[in-house]
Structure formats: C-alpha cells, structure tokens
N, C-alpha and C. Protein backbone atom coordinates (compact mmCIF):
# COMPACT_ATOMS: atom_id res chain seq x y z
N MET A 1 5.37 -58.51 6.81
CA MET A 1 6.31 -58.18 7.55
C MET A 1 6.22 -56.79 6.73
N PHE A 2 6.63 -57.65 4.94
CA PHE A 2 7.12 -56.28 4.52
C PHE A 2 5.73 -54.89 3.83
N LYS A 3 4.33 -55.30 4.60
CA LYS A 3 3.55 -54.25 4.30
C LYS A 3 3.80 -53.19 6.28
N LYS A 4 4.43 -54.66 7.05
CA LYS A 4 4.86 -52.96 7.47
C LYS A 4 5.34 -52.38 7.17
N PHE A 5 6.45 -52.75 7.03
CA PHE A 5 7.39 -51.52 7.15
C PHE A 5 7.42 -50.42 5.68
N ILE A 6 6.09 -50.78 4.80
CA ILE A 6 5.74 -50.24 3.46
C ILE A 6 5.15 -49.05 4.28
N THR A 7 3.60 -49.74 5.47
CA THR A 7 2.79 -49.18 6.28
C THR A 7 3.62 -47.54 6.97
N ALA A 8 4.97 -47.96 7.17
CA ALA A 8 5.42 -47.12 8.50
C ALA A 8 5.91 -46.19 7.07
N ILE A 9 6.68 -46.67 6.41
CA ILE A 9 7.04 -45.87 6.28
C ILE A 9 6.12 -44.37 4.76
N VAL A 10 5.04 -45.24 4.47
CA VAL A 10 4.33 -43.76 3.31
C VAL A 10 3.56 -42.66 4.76
N SER A 11 3.16 -43.30 5.75
CA SER A 11 2.18 -42.34 6.93
C SER A 11 3.40 -41.40 7.20
N PRO A 12 4.50 -41.51 7.54
CA PRO A 12 5.92 -40.21 7.78
C PRO A 12 5.50 -39.30 6.26
N ILE A 13 5.56 -40.55 5.69
CA ILE A 13 5.43 -39.17 3.66
C ILE A 13 4.57 -38.36 3.74
N LYS A 14 3.22 -39.17 3.99
CA LYS A 14 1.83 -38.45 3.77
C LYS A 14 2.12 -36.92 4.42
N LEU A 15 1.83 -37.76 6.26
CA LEU A 15 2.16 -36.46 7.26
C LEU A 15 3.18 -34.95 6.50
N ILE A 16 4.07 -35.65 6.00
CA ILE A 16 5.84 -34.23 5.05
C ILE A 16 4.46 -33.42 4.17
N PHE A 17 3.98 -34.99 3.33
CA PHE A 17 3.26 -34.53 2.13
C PHE A 17 2.02 -33.17 2.25
N THR A 18 1.02 -33.39 3.45
CA THR A 18 -0.16 -32.65 3.76
C THR A 18 0.82 -31.60 4.31
N CYS A 19 2.14 -31.30 5.44
CA CYS A 19 2.15 -30.38 5.56
C CYS A 19 3.02 -29.52 4.54
N LEU A 20 3.48 -29.89 3.65
CA LEU A 20 3.71 -29.12 2.43
C LEU A 20 3.61 -28.83 1.85
N LEU A 21 1.66 -29.00 1.79
CA LEU A 21 0.25 -28.84 1.38
C LEU A 21 -0.28 -27.89 1.48
N VAL A 22 -0.61 -27.62 2.78
CA VAL A 22 -0.82 -26.55 3.37
C VAL A 22 0.12 -25.34 3.44
N VAL A 23 1.15 -25.53 3.89
CA VAL A 23 2.43 -23.70 4.08
C VAL A 23 2.21 -23.29 2.45
N SER A 24 2.08 -24.43 1.79
CA SER A 24 2.24 -24.09 0.13
C SER A 24 0.76 -23.28 -0.16
N LEU A 25 -0.54 -23.15 0.03
CA LEU A 25 -1.88 -22.83 -0.03
C LEU A 25 -1.62 -21.61 1.11
N TYR A 26 -1.38 -21.59 1.98
CA TYR A 26 -1.61 -20.82 3.10
C TYR A 26 -0.14 -20.08 2.22
N GLY A 27 0.89 -19.78 1.76
CA GLY A 27 1.15 -19.41 0.61
C GLY A 27 1.35 -18.02 -0.92
N CYS A 28 0.25 -19.44 -0.98
CA CYS A 28 -0.20 -18.84 -1.84
C CYS A 28 -1.81 -17.78 -1.59
N ASN A 29 -2.36 -18.10 -0.27
CA ASN A 29 -3.47 -16.93 0.07
C ASN A 29 -3.30 -15.94 0.78
N SER A 30 -1.79 -15.70 1.11
CA SER A 30 -1.49 -14.29 1.71
C SER A 30 -1.65 -13.38 1.91
N VAL A 31 -1.75 -12.24 2.25
CA VAL A 31 -1.73 -11.03 1.54
C VAL A 31 -0.52 -10.71 1.91
N LYS A 32 -0.05 -10.10 0.26
CA LYS A 32 1.65 -9.03 0.31
C LYS A 32 2.13 -8.71 1.12
N ASN A 33 2.89 -8.48 1.86
CA ASN A 33 2.94 -6.84 3.40
C ASN A 33 3.40 -5.76 2.17
N SER A 34 2.89 -4.66 2.47
CA SER A 34 3.31 -3.45 1.55
C SER A 34 4.35 -3.15 1.52
N VAL A 35 4.98 -2.30 0.39
CA VAL A 35 6.56 -1.97 0.30
C VAL A 35 6.19 -1.00 0.55
N ILE A 36 7.45 -0.23 1.45
CA ILE A 36 7.29 1.01 1.72
C ILE A 36 8.45 2.13 1.40
N TYR A 37 8.69 3.15 0.33
CA TYR A 37 10.37 3.51 0.62
C TYR A 37 10.23 5.23 1.05
N TYR A 38 11.54 5.45 2.01
CA TYR A 38 10.69 6.99 2.25
C TYR A 38 12.46 7.34 2.52
N ASN A 39 12.51 9.00 2.08
CA ASN A 39 13.81 9.78 2.16
C ASN A 39 13.13 10.40 3.03
N ASN A 40 14.89 11.24 2.88
CA ASN A 40 15.05 12.01 4.50
C ASN A 40 14.25 13.02 4.97
N PHE A 41 13.43 12.72 6.23
CA PHE A 41 12.11 13.80 6.28
C PHE A 41 12.56 13.31 8.16
N ASP A 42 11.79 14.13 8.44
CA ASP A 42 11.79 14.22 10.32
C ASP A 42 9.79 13.93 9.97
N PHE A 43 9.49 12.52 10.09
CA PHE A 43 8.23 12.07 10.27
C PHE A 43 7.72 12.38 11.93
N SER A 44 8.98 12.65 12.53
CA SER A 44 8.58 12.47 14.21
C SER A 44 7.36 14.13 14.76
N GLN A 45 7.85 15.18 13.43
CA GLN A 45 7.02 15.85 13.79
C GLN A 45 5.98 16.17 12.93
N VAL A 46 5.12 14.98 12.66
CA VAL A 46 4.30 15.31 11.94
C VAL A 46 2.87 15.29 12.99
N LYS A 47 2.12 15.74 12.57
CA LYS A 47 0.53 15.78 13.56
C LYS A 47 -0.62 15.72 12.63
N THR A 48 -0.38 16.85 11.67
CA THR A 48 -1.68 16.63 11.04
C THR A 48 -1.24 16.88 9.41
N TYR A 49 -2.11 16.35 9.08
CA TYR A 49 -2.31 16.12 7.26
C TYR A 49 -3.23 17.01 6.49
N SER A 50 -3.19 16.39 5.67
CA SER A 50 -4.12 17.48 4.30
C SER A 50 -4.44 16.26 3.35
N PHE A 51 -5.13 17.30 2.26
CA PHE A 51 -5.39 15.63 1.17
C PHE A 51 -5.36 17.03 -0.13
N TYR A 52 -4.50 17.02 -0.82
CA TYR A 52 -5.15 17.89 -1.63
C TYR A 52 -6.06 17.99 -3.07
N ARG A 53 -7.13 19.12 -3.26
CA ARG A 53 -8.44 19.57 -3.42
C ARG A 53 -8.64 19.27 -5.29
N SER A 54 -10.13 19.08 -5.59
CA SER A 54 -10.48 18.94 -7.07
C SER A 54 -10.15 19.97 -7.76
N GLY A 55 -9.45 19.99 -8.81
CA GLY A 55 -8.83 20.41 -9.31
C GLY A 55 -6.95 20.67 -9.94
N SER A 56 -6.87 19.82 -8.39
CA SER A 56 -4.72 19.74 -8.26
C SER A 56 -4.36 19.15 -9.91
N VAL A 57 -3.15 18.94 -9.22
CA VAL A 57 -3.02 18.38 -10.59
C VAL A 57 -2.58 17.02 -9.83
N PHE A 58 -2.01 16.45 -8.24
CA PHE A 58 -2.89 15.34 -8.17
C PHE A 58 -3.95 15.46 -8.30
N PHE A 59 -5.44 15.66 -7.66
CA PHE A 59 -6.99 14.91 -8.63
C PHE A 59 -7.06 15.04 -10.45
N ASP A 60 -6.21 15.64 -10.41
CA ASP A 60 -6.56 15.10 -12.42
C ASP A 60 -5.39 13.63 -12.98
N SER A 61 -4.65 13.37 -12.51
CA SER A 61 -3.18 13.04 -12.61
C SER A 61 -4.31 11.37 -12.90
N GLN A 62 -5.41 11.30 -12.41
CA GLN A 62 -6.03 9.60 -12.30
C GLN A 62 -7.12 9.70 -12.17
N ASN A 63 -8.27 9.59 -12.86
CA ASN A 63 -9.54 9.16 -13.09
C ASN A 63 -10.58 8.36 -12.38
N LEU A 64 -10.74 9.41 -11.36
CA LEU A 64 -11.23 7.60 -10.28
C LEU A 64 -12.84 8.09 -10.21
N PRO A 65 -14.09 7.24 -9.81
CA PRO A 65 -15.19 7.52 -9.04
C PRO A 65 -15.56 8.84 -7.92
N HIS A 66 -16.37 9.78 -7.96
CA HIS A 66 -16.17 9.70 -6.90
C HIS A 66 -16.29 9.44 -5.75
N ALA A 67 -16.85 8.19 -5.82
CA ALA A 67 -17.14 7.18 -4.72
C ALA A 67 -16.20 6.36 -4.14
N GLN A 68 -15.29 6.36 -4.95
CA GLN A 68 -14.40 5.97 -4.52
C GLN A 68 -13.01 6.72 -4.23
N ARG A 69 -12.59 7.53 -4.84
CA ARG A 69 -11.97 8.59 -3.83
C ARG A 69 -12.29 9.25 -2.50
N SER A 70 -13.95 8.81 -1.67
CA SER A 70 -14.76 9.03 -0.32
C SER A 70 -13.45 8.27 -0.11
N SER A 71 -14.30 7.03 -0.40
CA SER A 71 -13.77 5.71 0.31
C SER A 71 -12.46 5.20 0.67
N ILE A 72 -11.24 5.47 -0.01
CA ILE A 72 -10.12 5.55 -0.06
C ILE A 72 -9.51 6.86 1.43
N GLU A 73 -10.31 8.22 0.63
CA GLU A 73 -9.14 8.87 1.73
C GLU A 73 -10.72 8.81 2.78
N LEU A 74 -11.79 7.98 3.30
CA LEU A 74 -12.23 7.91 4.45
C LEU A 74 -11.44 7.30 5.93
N ALA A 75 -11.01 5.66 4.55
CA ALA A 75 -10.12 4.97 5.33
C ALA A 75 -8.84 5.93 5.92
N ILE A 76 -8.19 6.47 4.75
CA ILE A 76 -7.09 6.71 5.08
C ILE A 76 -7.34 7.76 6.00
N GLU A 77 -8.08 8.73 6.22
CA GLU A 77 -8.48 9.07 7.98
C GLU A 77 -9.67 8.13 9.27
N LYS A 78 -9.73 7.67 8.64
CA LYS A 78 -10.05 6.87 10.03
C LYS A 78 -8.19 6.12 10.71
N SER A 79 -7.40 5.81 9.75
CA SER A 79 -6.68 5.06 10.01
C SER A 79 -5.29 5.86 10.46
N LEU A 80 -5.35 7.22 9.37
CA LEU A 80 -4.73 8.14 10.79
C LEU A 80 -5.32 9.07 11.60
N ASP A 81 -6.58 8.94 11.94
CA ASP A 81 -7.14 9.85 13.56
C ASP A 81 -6.93 8.69 14.27
N ALA A 82 -6.94 7.24 14.29
CA ALA A 82 -6.90 6.33 14.92
C ALA A 82 -5.12 6.25 15.96
N GLN A 83 -4.36 7.22 14.71
CA GLN A 83 -2.79 7.39 15.35
C GLN A 83 -2.79 8.60 15.90
N GLY A 84 -3.88 9.21 16.00
CA GLY A 84 -3.24 10.65 17.12
C GLY A 84 -3.14 11.81 16.02
N PHE A 85 -3.50 11.42 14.73
CA PHE A 85 -3.12 12.47 13.57
C PHE A 85 -4.36 12.86 13.73
N HIS A 86 -4.45 14.34 13.04
CA HIS A 86 -5.78 15.24 13.34
C HIS A 86 -5.00 16.28 11.33
N TYR A 87 -6.42 15.85 11.39
CA TYR A 87 -6.69 16.74 9.69
C TYR A 87 -6.48 18.42 9.88
N SER A 88 -6.44 19.00 8.94
CA SER A 88 -6.28 20.27 8.40
C SER A 88 -5.98 21.06 7.93
N GLU A 89 -6.64 22.24 7.20
CA GLU A 89 -6.26 22.52 6.14
C GLU A 89 -4.88 22.15 5.64
N LEU A 90 -5.06 22.67 3.52
CA LEU A 90 -4.29 22.16 2.84
C LEU A 90 -2.60 22.65 3.67
N ASP A 91 -3.12 23.96 3.59
CA ASP A 91 -1.97 25.32 3.92
C ASP A 91 -1.42 25.16 5.45
N SER A 92 -2.00 24.19 6.10
CA SER A 92 -0.87 24.55 6.94
C SER A 92 -1.15 22.84 8.31
N ALA A 93 -0.96 22.11 6.81
CA ALA A 93 -0.81 20.48 6.94
C ALA A 93 0.78 20.10 7.22
N ASP A 94 1.61 19.21 7.69
CA ASP A 94 2.46 18.90 8.37
C ASP A 94 2.70 17.87 6.83
N ILE A 95 1.78 17.84 6.55
CA ILE A 95 2.12 16.77 5.00
C ILE A 95 0.38 16.39 4.73
N ILE A 96 0.39 15.93 3.87
CA ILE A 96 -0.43 14.98 1.92
C ILE A 96 -0.24 14.53 2.00
N VAL A 97 -1.90 13.62 1.99
CA VAL A 97 -1.21 12.27 1.39
C VAL A 97 -2.34 12.24 0.18
N THR A 98 -1.68 11.63 -0.18
CA THR A 98 -2.32 10.64 -1.99
C THR A 98 -2.19 9.78 -1.94
N TYR A 99 -2.45 9.16 -2.56
CA TYR A 99 -2.70 7.88 -3.84
C TYR A 99 -3.38 8.18 -4.86
N HIS A 100 -2.75 6.45 -5.34
CA HIS A 100 -3.64 5.83 -6.67
C HIS A 100 -3.89 4.72 -6.66
N LEU A 101 -4.71 4.38 -7.58
CA LEU A 101 -4.81 2.32 -7.75
C LEU A 101 -3.74 2.65 -9.39
N VAL A 102 -3.07 1.10 -9.48
CA VAL A 102 -3.10 1.44 -10.11
C VAL A 102 -3.47 0.45 -11.65
N LYS A 103 -3.71 1.18 -12.85
CA LYS A 103 -4.78 0.21 -13.78
C LYS A 103 -3.82 -0.25 -15.39
N LYS A 104 -4.46 -0.47 -16.06
CA LYS A 104 -3.78 -0.64 -16.83
C LYS A 104 -3.47 0.59 -17.84
N GLN A 105 -3.38 1.84 -17.42
CA GLN A 105 -2.88 3.25 -17.85
C GLN A 105 -2.02 3.49 -18.02
N PRO A 106 -0.50 3.00 -18.08
CA PRO A 106 0.13 3.58 -17.32
C PRO A 106 0.86 4.75 -17.39
N LYS A 107 -0.11 5.88 -18.25
CA LYS A 107 0.03 7.06 -17.97
C LYS A 107 -0.34 7.66 -17.37
N GLU A 108 -1.39 7.11 -16.70
CA GLU A 108 -1.99 7.73 -15.42
C GLU A 108 -1.08 7.75 -14.01
N TYR A 109 -0.07 6.52 -14.20
CA TYR A 109 0.02 6.42 -13.10
C TYR A 109 1.97 7.29 -13.50
N LEU A 110 2.25 7.16 -14.96
CA LEU A 110 3.56 8.91 -15.07
C LEU A 110 2.76 9.91 -14.18
N ASN A 111 2.24 9.70 -14.43
CA ASN A 111 1.13 11.37 -14.28
C ASN A 111 1.17 11.66 -12.93
N TYR A 112 0.48 11.15 -12.19
CA TYR A 112 0.70 10.69 -10.87
C TYR A 112 2.06 11.07 -9.97
N ASN A 113 2.62 10.46 -11.09
CA ASN A 113 4.23 10.48 -9.54
C ASN A 113 4.98 11.89 -10.27
N LYS A 114 4.34 12.59 -11.51
CA LYS A 114 5.46 13.84 -11.82
C LYS A 114 4.24 14.12 -10.50
N ALA A 115 2.98 13.96 -10.28
CA ALA A 115 2.01 15.26 -10.00
C ALA A 115 2.89 15.14 -8.25
N VAL A 116 3.29 14.08 -7.47
CA VAL A 116 4.40 13.80 -6.35
C VAL A 116 5.47 14.30 -5.97
N LEU A 117 6.03 14.55 -7.70
CA LEU A 117 7.28 14.09 -7.49
C LEU A 117 7.81 12.83 -7.24
N PHE A 118 7.57 11.77 -7.28
CA PHE A 118 8.70 10.63 -6.85
C PHE A 118 8.87 9.83 -7.47
N CYS A 119 10.01 10.15 -7.46
CA CYS A 119 11.40 9.64 -7.79
C CYS A 119 12.49 8.09 -7.20
N ALA A 120 11.48 7.30 -8.05
CA ALA A 120 12.07 5.80 -7.27
C ALA A 120 13.72 5.74 -7.74
N PRO A 121 14.87 6.63 -8.47
CA PRO A 121 15.49 6.47 -8.10
C PRO A 121 16.46 6.58 -7.47
N CYS A 122 16.09 8.50 -7.82
CA CYS A 122 16.73 9.65 -5.87
C CYS A 122 16.10 8.78 -4.79
N LEU A 123 15.18 7.77 -4.58
CA LEU A 123 15.01 7.08 -3.21
C LEU A 123 15.61 6.35 -2.96
N ARG A 124 15.88 5.13 -4.19
CA ARG A 124 17.05 3.58 -4.01
C ARG A 124 18.48 4.22 -3.43
N ALA A 125 19.08 5.88 -3.85
CA ALA A 125 19.71 5.90 -4.21
C ALA A 125 20.58 6.47 -2.38
N ASN A 126 18.82 7.24 -1.48
CA ASN A 126 19.22 7.49 -0.51
C ASN A 126 18.52 7.11 0.61
N ALA A 127 17.33 6.10 0.34
CA ALA A 127 16.82 4.79 1.15
C ALA A 127 17.29 3.83 1.84
N TRP A 128 16.94 4.01 2.78
CA TRP A 128 17.31 2.85 3.72
C TRP A 128 16.85 0.98 2.96
N GLN A 129 16.35 1.28 1.74
CA GLN A 129 15.98 -0.58 1.04
C GLN A 129 16.71 0.24 0.03
N LYS A 130 17.56 -0.19 0.05
CA LYS A 130 18.39 0.09 -1.42
C LYS A 130 19.07 -1.40 -2.82
N ASN A 131 18.60 -2.17 -1.86
CA ASN A 131 18.12 -4.08 -3.21
C ASN A 131 17.01 -4.58 -3.27
N ASN A 132 15.52 -3.93 -2.65
CA ASN A 132 15.23 -4.51 -2.93
C ASN A 132 14.23 -5.26 -3.82
N ILE A 133 13.82 -6.49 -4.17
CA ILE A 133 13.38 -6.58 -5.76
C ILE A 133 11.85 -6.38 -4.92
N ASP A 134 11.15 -5.80 -4.66
CA ASP A 134 9.93 -5.32 -4.85
C ASP A 134 9.64 -3.96 -5.22
N TRP A 135 11.19 -3.19 -5.97
CA TRP A 135 10.79 -1.79 -6.17
C TRP A 135 10.24 -1.83 -7.44
N ARG A 136 8.83 -2.85 -7.35
CA ARG A 136 7.65 -2.29 -8.61
C ARG A 136 6.35 -2.21 -8.13
N VAL A 137 5.32 -1.95 -9.42
CA VAL A 137 4.66 -1.13 -9.24
C VAL A 137 3.59 -2.75 -10.08
N TYR A 138 2.27 -3.39 -9.88
CA TYR A 138 1.56 -4.20 -10.11
C TYR A 138 -0.15 -3.47 -10.00
N GLN A 139 -0.27 -3.64 -11.54
CA GLN A 139 -1.78 -3.70 -11.10
C GLN A 139 -2.59 -4.71 -10.25
N GLY A 140 -3.86 -3.35 -9.51
CA GLY A 140 -4.61 -3.78 -8.96
C GLY A 140 -4.18 -2.80 -7.17
N GLY A 141 -2.77 -2.87 -6.80
CA GLY A 141 -2.38 -1.95 -6.14
C GLY A 141 -2.85 -0.42 -6.09
N LEU A 142 -2.13 -0.60 -4.54
CA LEU A 142 -2.63 0.50 -3.91
C LEU A 142 -1.72 1.63 -3.59
N ILE A 143 -1.63 2.92 -4.20
CA ILE A 143 -0.09 3.50 -3.06
C ILE A 143 -0.45 4.59 -2.85
N ILE A 144 -0.21 4.51 -1.60
CA ILE A 144 -0.27 5.80 -1.11
C ILE A 144 0.93 6.87 -0.74
N ASP A 145 0.16 7.63 -0.94
CA ASP A 145 2.61 9.01 -0.75
C ASP A 145 2.34 9.68 0.31
N LEU A 146 3.05 10.10 0.77
CA LEU A 146 2.84 11.28 1.90
C LEU A 146 4.16 12.31 1.27
N VAL A 147 3.21 13.53 1.08
CA VAL A 147 4.44 14.19 0.50
C VAL A 147 4.15 15.19 1.20
N ASP A 148 5.54 15.45 1.19
CA ASP A 148 6.59 17.19 2.27
C ASP A 148 5.56 18.79 1.50
N PRO A 149 4.57 19.32 2.02
CA PRO A 149 4.08 20.31 1.34
C PRO A 149 5.13 21.40 1.14
N LYS A 150 6.05 21.90 1.93
CA LYS A 150 7.45 23.18 2.05
C LYS A 150 7.43 21.55 -0.29
N ARG A 151 8.72 21.20 -0.08
CA ARG A 151 8.74 21.25 -1.24
C ARG A 151 8.53 20.36 -2.11
N LYS A 152 6.95 19.94 -1.49
CA LYS A 152 6.02 19.02 -2.92
C LYS A 152 6.47 18.06 -3.22
N ARG A 153 7.18 16.87 -2.34
CA ARG A 153 7.57 16.01 -3.67
C ARG A 153 7.29 14.95 -2.53
N SER A 154 7.40 13.36 -3.17
CA SER A 154 6.94 12.58 -1.88
C SER A 154 7.70 12.00 -0.94
N VAL A 155 7.88 12.07 0.08
CA VAL A 155 8.39 11.52 1.16
C VAL A 155 8.86 10.44 1.20
N TRP A 156 7.48 9.76 1.37
CA TRP A 156 6.79 7.87 1.58
C TRP A 156 5.86 7.23 0.50
N ARG A 157 6.34 5.85 0.60
CA ARG A 157 5.43 5.93 -0.39
C ARG A 157 4.72 3.89 0.15
N SER A 158 3.58 3.43 0.50
CA SER A 158 3.40 2.16 0.24
C SER A 158 2.45 1.65 -0.72
N ILE A 159 2.50 0.44 -1.05
CA ILE A 159 2.27 0.30 -2.31
C ILE A 159 1.11 -1.26 -1.72
N TYR A 160 0.37 -1.16 -2.17
CA TYR A 160 -0.16 -2.97 -1.63
C TYR A 160 -1.15 -3.10 -2.47
N PRO A 161 -1.40 -4.57 -2.78
CA PRO A 161 -2.24 -5.49 -3.71
C PRO A 161 -4.11 -5.03 -2.57
N LEU A 162 -5.23 -4.77 -3.62
CA LEU A 162 -6.31 -4.54 -3.62
C LEU A 162 -7.25 -5.90 -3.27
N GLN A 163 -7.04 -7.28 -4.03
CA GLN A 163 -7.02 -7.48 -4.46
C GLN A 163 -8.97 -7.65 -5.30
N PHE A 164 -9.06 -6.30 -5.87
CA PHE A 164 -10.71 -7.08 -5.77
C PHE A 164 -10.43 -7.68 -7.17
N LYS A 165 -12.12 -8.82 -6.38
CA LYS A 165 -12.13 -8.98 -7.80
C LYS A 165 -13.18 -9.19 -8.54
N VAL A 166 -14.22 -9.58 -9.55
CA VAL A 166 -15.79 -9.23 -10.40
C VAL A 166 -16.58 -8.96 -9.29
N LYS A 167 -17.02 -10.31 -9.18
CA LYS A 167 -18.17 -10.17 -7.85
C LYS A 167 -18.25 -9.68 -7.13
N ASP A 168 -17.46 -9.11 -6.23
CA ASP A 168 -17.05 -8.01 -5.18
C ASP A 168 -18.26 -7.14 -5.05
N ASN A 169 -19.29 -7.11 -4.45
CA ASN A 169 -19.85 -6.32 -3.50
C ASN A 169 -19.26 -4.50 -3.40
N SER A 170 -20.59 -3.64 -3.18
CA SER A 170 -19.21 -2.21 -2.87
C SER A 170 -18.91 -3.11 -1.67
N GLN A 171 -19.37 -3.04 -0.74
CA GLN A 171 -18.75 -2.99 0.64
C GLN A 171 -17.71 -4.29 1.19
N GLU A 172 -17.40 -5.26 0.13
CA GLU A 172 -16.18 -5.79 0.34
C GLU A 172 -14.98 -5.07 -0.39
N LEU A 173 -15.35 -3.92 -1.01
CA LEU A 173 -14.73 -3.48 -1.79
C LEU A 173 -14.00 -2.14 -1.01
N ASN A 174 -14.95 -2.18 0.23
CA ASN A 174 -14.82 -0.77 0.92
C ASN A 174 -13.76 -1.60 1.98
N GLU A 175 -14.09 -3.11 2.73
CA GLU A 175 -13.37 -3.55 3.09
C GLU A 175 -11.82 -3.63 3.25
N LYS A 176 -11.34 -3.72 2.01
CA LYS A 176 -10.67 -3.79 1.31
C LYS A 176 -9.64 -2.98 1.07
N VAL A 177 -10.34 -2.08 0.63
CA VAL A 177 -9.75 -0.37 0.96
C VAL A 177 -9.51 -0.67 2.15
N MET A 178 -10.46 -0.35 3.42
CA MET A 178 -9.84 -0.04 4.64
C MET A 178 -8.54 -0.41 5.13
N ALA A 179 -8.54 -2.10 4.87
CA ALA A 179 -7.56 -3.49 5.28
C ALA A 179 -6.11 -2.94 5.16
N ALA A 180 -6.12 -2.01 3.31
CA ALA A 180 -5.19 -2.35 2.95
C ALA A 180 -4.38 -1.12 2.88
N VAL A 181 -5.34 -0.20 3.25
CA VAL A 181 -5.05 1.60 4.16
C VAL A 181 -4.25 1.43 5.34
N ASP A 182 -4.97 0.69 6.06
CA ASP A 182 -4.83 0.44 7.66
C ASP A 182 -3.26 -0.52 8.01
N ASN A 183 -3.36 -1.19 6.99
CA ASN A 183 -1.63 -2.08 6.25
C ASN A 183 -0.49 -0.97 6.49
N MET A 184 -1.31 -0.39 5.41
CA MET A 184 0.27 0.74 4.48
C MET A 184 0.60 1.62 5.96
N LEU A 185 -0.97 2.66 6.28
CA LEU A 185 -0.57 3.21 7.26
C LEU A 185 -0.65 3.22 8.22
N THR A 186 -0.26 1.98 9.08
CA THR A 186 -0.18 1.96 10.53
C THR A 186 1.66 1.01 10.45
N GLN A 187 2.19 1.06 8.48
CA GLN A 187 3.97 1.32 8.89
C GLN A 187 4.30 2.64 9.09
N TYR A 188 3.28 4.19 9.33
CA TYR A 188 4.26 5.25 9.21
C TYR A 188 5.72 5.36 10.18
N PRO A 189 6.63 5.13 9.48
CA PRO A 189 7.93 5.43 10.14
C PRO A 189 8.40 6.66 11.19
N ARG A 190 8.16 6.03 12.04
CA ARG A 190 7.84 7.22 13.48
C ARG A 190 9.20 7.08 13.88
N LYS A 191 10.04 8.01 13.95
CA LYS A 191 11.38 7.62 14.85
C LYS A 191 11.88 8.38 15.95
C-alpha cells in the first residue's frame, strides 16, 4: 500500500517537472522580440523610403563589408516592399532607413547615434514606453532606424538579436538577417 501511495505522488511530480523543463527550455531558445522606440512623427504619411549613399556620415559610421551591407539593405527592401512602401531617391523619400550591427567597438555605436541624431533620453521623455527595462543595446544586435529626412533625426528604432554563430554559412547568416529585419519592420507604427 505504501508503494502505491509513493507511485501516486511521484507520477504527478514527474509530469509537473517535465512540463517545467519543457517551458524553461522553450524560454531559453525563443528569440527575443524587437524593442521599438519612436518619437512624434506622422508615420501614416510615409509611402516612400531610401537609404543614405556611400560617403555619407551614416555610411562612414561603421566599417561593414559591402556584402553585409547589401544583405541588410536587400532584406529591408523586401520587407518594406511587401508592406506596400516604395523605394525612392534620397531627396524625395518620406523616410530614410539606416541600420547598425552592434559590435565590440562602442565608438562605432556612438558615431552611428550621432549620424542619425538618436537621443535615448529624448525618446524616453516623449515616447509611449517610459519605463521599459529593455532600453539597452546588446552586442550582436541589429539596429534599424527610420530617420525623418527633414530633421535628419531618428524617429523610430528597433533592435533585434541576430544570434550569429561561428559555424553559420552565408546562407544561414542571410536568413537570420532577413528574419530579424522582417520581424522589426512588420511592427512599423501605422496610426
């Protein structure tokens, strides 16, 4: 009788333990959602986008290989085109799209922020997320900013972990970039 009692107790405990283990493992493997900040800007009027040209302050703010730049820009174009936005020349675009890969060089990140006039304290003061604990930048993250072409200032930012691995081949790297960009830009703030 004692064995039946122990067996009746151990089975539910095993089940609970197994469920907790599965939930914990899923939580460790799930990709963190992008963090979005934005400032006062009429996003509903945006129909066209562009990128800064090579030689601009933005372009020179980070040393990236041309293949990596092309991969990111192609992913951005595909995502925005799928949402009904159209590429335009820089001087007639409604929004300028910029990006930054966060590496170990904090000076590159600071230079990038200067190039897009990103001011975290300013956005915290004006944004809809005042006490967000995720207002941080982490190594290996991809940042996308939408810059107001009139004020030359970032009005929207999203950060997403790329989770690159040393063993990733170029196709896997491109797939991770495309998934990250799509996740970020599908959260475009339509009003």
